[in-house]
C-alpha atoms as a PDB file:
ATOM      1  CA  MET A   1      -5.334 -13.904   1.515  1.00  0.00           C
ATOM      2  CA  SER A   2      -3.059 -15.797  -0.834  1.00  0.00           C
ATOM      3  CA  PHE A   3      -3.473 -18.894   1.332  1.00  0.00           C
ATOM      4  CA  LEU A   4      -7.011 -19.201  -0.063  1.00  0.00           C
ATOM      5  CA  TYR A   5      -5.703 -19.546  -3.616  1.00  0.00           C
ATOM      6  CA  PRO A   6      -2.030 -20.507  -3.358  1.00  0.00           C
ATOM      7  CA  GLN A   7      -1.607 -21.221  -7.082  1.00  0.00           C
ATOM      8  CA  LYS A   8      -3.400 -18.092  -8.346  1.00  0.00           C
ATOM      9  CA  LYS A   9      -1.888 -14.756  -9.287  1.00  0.00           C
ATOM     10  CA  LEU A  10      -3.440 -12.031  -7.131  1.00  0.00           C
ATOM     11  CA  THR A  11      -3.844  -8.303  -7.605  1.00  0.00           C
ATOM     12  CA  TYR A  12      -4.881  -5.989  -4.784  1.00  0.00           C
ATOM     13  CA  PHE A  13      -6.628  -2.714  -5.561  1.00  0.00           C
ATOM     14  CA  LEU A  14      -6.137  -0.522  -2.510  1.00  0.00           C
ATOM     15  CA  GLY A  15      -7.681   2.924  -2.302  1.00  0.00           C
ATOM     16  CA  SER A  16      -6.730   5.720   0.050  1.00  0.00           C
ATOM     17  CA  ILE A  17      -8.668   5.561   3.286  1.00  0.00           C
ATOM     18  CA  THR A  18      -9.766   9.182   3.349  1.00  0.00           C
ATOM     19  CA  ASP A  19     -11.530   9.432   6.700  1.00  0.00           C
ATOM     20  CA  LEU A  20      -8.524   8.777   8.960  1.00  0.00           C
ATOM     21  CA  GLY A  21      -7.339  12.336   9.479  1.00  0.00           C
ATOM     22  CA  ASP A  22      -3.971  12.492  11.236  1.00  0.00           C
ATOM     23  CA  LEU A  23      -3.756   8.678  11.330  1.00  0.00           C
ATOM     24  CA  SER A  24      -3.828   8.401   7.526  1.00  0.00           C
ATOM     25  CA  ASN A  25      -0.092   8.027   6.867  1.00  0.00           C
ATOM     26  CA  LYS A  26       0.416   5.617   9.799  1.00  0.00           C
ATOM     27  CA  VAL A  27      -2.455   3.317   8.771  1.00  0.00           C
ATOM     28  CA  HIS A  28      -1.442   3.287   5.109  1.00  0.00           C
ATOM     29  CA  LYS A  29       2.135   2.335   6.082  1.00  0.00           C
ATOM     30  CA  GLU A  30       0.796  -0.430   8.334  1.00  0.00           C
ATOM     31  CA  LEU A  31      -1.178  -1.720   5.362  1.00  0.00           C
ATOM     32  CA  ALA A  32       2.013  -1.745   3.264  1.00  0.00           C
ATOM     33  CA  GLU A  33       3.790  -3.676   6.006  1.00  0.00           C
ATOM     34  CA  PHE A  34       0.912  -6.164   6.193  1.00  0.00           C
ATOM     35  CA  CYS A  35       1.110  -6.765   2.443  1.00  0.00           C
ATOM     36  CA  ILE A  36       4.803  -7.603   2.552  1.00  0.00           C
ATOM     37  CA  GLN A  37       4.605  -9.795   5.666  1.00  0.00           C
ATOM     38  CA  ASN A  38       1.340 -11.676   5.216  1.00  0.00           C
ATOM     39  CA  THR A  39       0.429 -11.866   1.561  1.00  0.00           C
ATOM     40  CA  SER A  40       2.003 -12.562  -1.782  1.00  0.00           C
ATOM     41  CA  PRO A  41       0.198 -10.632  -4.503  1.00  0.00           C
ATOM     42  CA  MET A  42       1.584 -10.333  -7.990  1.00  0.00           C
ATOM     43  CA  ASN A  43       0.490  -6.678  -8.192  1.00  0.00           C
ATOM     44  CA  ILE A  44      -0.716  -3.929  -5.921  1.00  0.00           C
ATOM     45  CA  VAL A  45      -2.690  -1.181  -7.636  1.00  0.00           C
ATOM     46  CA  LEU A  46      -2.912   1.924  -5.472  1.00  0.00           C
ATOM     47  CA  ILE A  47      -5.697   4.431  -6.032  1.00  0.00           C
ATOM     48  CA  GLY A  48      -5.231   7.849  -4.428  1.00  0.00           C
ATOM     49  CA  LYS A  49      -2.348  10.091  -3.443  1.00  0.00           C
ATOM     50  CA  ASP A  50      -2.328   9.309   0.292  1.00  0.00           C
ATOM     51  CA  ILE A  51      -1.942   5.556  -0.011  1.00  0.00           C
ATOM     52  CA  SER A  52       0.467   5.868  -2.935  1.00  0.00           C
ATOM     53  CA  LYS A  53       2.769   8.154  -0.954  1.00  0.00           C
ATOM     54  CA  ALA A  54       2.711   5.943   2.136  1.00  0.00           C
ATOM     55  CA  PHE A  55       3.487   2.800   0.121  1.00  0.00           C
ATOM     56  CA  GLN A  56       6.273   4.516  -1.808  1.00  0.00           C
ATOM     57  CA  ASP A  57       7.819   5.811   1.433  1.00  0.00           C
ATOM     58  CA  PHE A  58       7.587   2.361   3.044  1.00  0.00           C
ATOM     59  CA  PHE A  59       8.993   0.462   0.074  1.00  0.00           C
ATOM     60  CA  LYS A  60      11.983   2.774  -0.277  1.00  0.00           C
ATOM     61  CA  LYS A  61      13.194   0.980   2.855  1.00  0.00           C
ATOM     62  CA  GLU A  62      11.729  -2.505   2.294  1.00  0.00           C
ATOM     63  CA  LYS A  63      12.194  -4.890  -0.610  1.00  0.00           C
ATOM     64  CA  HIS A  64       9.058  -6.360  -2.117  1.00  0.00           C
ATOM     65  CA  PRO A  65       8.351  -9.212  -4.543  1.00  0.00           C
ATOM     66  CA  PHE A  66       5.421  -7.595  -6.343  1.00  0.00           C
ATOM     67  CA  ASN A  67       4.696  -4.815  -8.814  1.00  0.00           C
ATOM     68  CA  ILE A  68       3.241  -1.565  -7.504  1.00  0.00           C
ATOM     69  CA  PHE A  69       1.176   0.730  -9.734  1.00  0.00           C
ATOM     70  CA  CYS A  70      -0.081   4.143  -8.583  1.00  0.00           C
ATOM     71  CA  PHE A  71      -3.064   6.057  -9.942  1.00  0.00           C
ATOM     72  CA  ASN A  72      -4.641   9.298  -8.735  1.00  0.00           C
ATOM     73  CA  SER A  73      -8.215   8.049  -9.094  1.00  0.00           C
ATOM     74  CA  SER A  74     -10.358   5.185 -10.342  1.00  0.00           C
ATOM     75  CA  GLU A  75     -10.894   7.124 -13.560  1.00  0.00           C
ATOM     76  CA  ASP A  76      -7.129   7.479 -13.956  1.00  0.00           C
ATOM     77  CA  PHE A  77      -6.727   3.696 -13.651  1.00  0.00           C
ATOM     78  CA  ILE A  78      -9.455   2.995 -16.213  1.00  0.00           C
ATOM     79  CA  GLU A  79      -7.893   5.433 -18.693  1.00  0.00           C
ATOM     80  CA  ASN A  80      -4.404   3.966 -18.187  1.00  0.00           C
ATOM     81  CA  LYS A  81      -5.108   0.321 -17.341  1.00  0.00           C
ATOM     82  CA  ASP A  82      -2.820  -0.873 -20.120  1.00  0.00           C
ATOM     83  CA  SER A  83       0.154   0.357 -18.092  1.00  0.00           C
ATOM     84  CA  VAL A  84      -0.497  -2.592 -15.750  1.00  0.00           C
ATOM     85  CA  SER A  85       1.033  -5.515 -17.603  1.00  0.00           C
ATOM     86  CA  SER A  86      -1.096  -8.323 -16.180  1.00  0.00           C
ATOM     87  CA  LEU A  87      -3.695  -8.255 -13.441  1.00  0.00           C
ATOM     88  CA  GLY A  88      -3.625 -11.934 -12.591  1.00  0.00           C
ATOM     89  CA  GLU A  89      -6.557 -14.217 -11.932  1.00  0.00           C
ATOM     90  CA  ILE A  90      -8.048 -12.922  -8.679  1.00  0.00           C
ATOM     91  CA  LEU A  91      -8.665  -9.274  -7.828  1.00  0.00           C
ATOM     92  CA  TYR A  92      -9.222  -7.933  -4.307  1.00  0.00           C
ATOM     93  CA  PHE A  93     -10.582  -4.425  -3.659  1.00  0.00           C
ATOM     94  CA  LYS A  94     -10.382  -2.350  -0.481  1.00  0.00           C
ATOM     95  CA  GLY A  95     -10.635   1.392   0.079  1.00  0.00           C
ATOM     96  CA  SER A  96     -12.902   4.135   1.255  1.00  0.00           C
ATOM     97  CA  SER A  97     -15.991   4.872  -0.791  1.00  0.00           C
ATOM     98  CA  ALA A  98     -14.508   8.277  -1.665  1.00  0.00           C
ATOM     99  CA  MET A  99     -11.988   6.491  -3.915  1.00  0.00           C
ATOM    100  CA  ASN A 100     -14.893   5.004  -5.896  1.00  0.00           C
ATOM    101  CA  LEU A 101     -13.299   1.590  -6.457  1.00  0.00           C
ATOM    102  CA  LYS A 102     -16.770   0.394  -7.459  1.00  0.00           C
ATOM    103  CA  LYS A 103     -16.202   2.244 -10.725  1.00  0.00           C
ATOM    104  CA  ILE A 104     -13.270  -0.092 -11.475  1.00  0.00           C
ATOM    105  CA  ILE A 105     -15.320  -3.151 -10.497  1.00  0.00           C
ATOM    106  CA  ASP A 106     -18.138  -2.024 -12.798  1.00  0.00           C
ATOM    107  CA  PHE A 107     -15.597  -1.447 -15.571  1.00  0.00           C
ATOM    108  CA  PHE A 108     -14.331  -5.031 -15.271  1.00  0.00           C
ATOM    109  CA  LYS A 109     -17.883  -6.378 -15.245  1.00  0.00           C
ATOM    110  CA  GLN A 110     -18.537  -4.668 -18.583  1.00  0.00           C
ATOM    111  CA  THR A 111     -15.410  -6.018 -20.295  1.00  0.00           C
END
């Protein structure tokens, strides 16, 4: 993704993928591995307990060049957004609809 905008600071908003069942932890860890091997975001904002736990478990073992912020829900992020120092210039969003990332997108549209 960063190859599209090599000079821009990127932030990924990644929500838990809630409909994976037993595959949840494995897929979330694969997503963490993808982020470290194929992209170079400035920040990763994690929404949801499942994805946050998988990323934290993965990055205990792997070094990473970006900031990771964890929130329980989209509402939690909106209420505490000031804890994220800088979001950068380009924001990417991906997650299941149950994580309601659209709420964060709508919030940014209003500000």
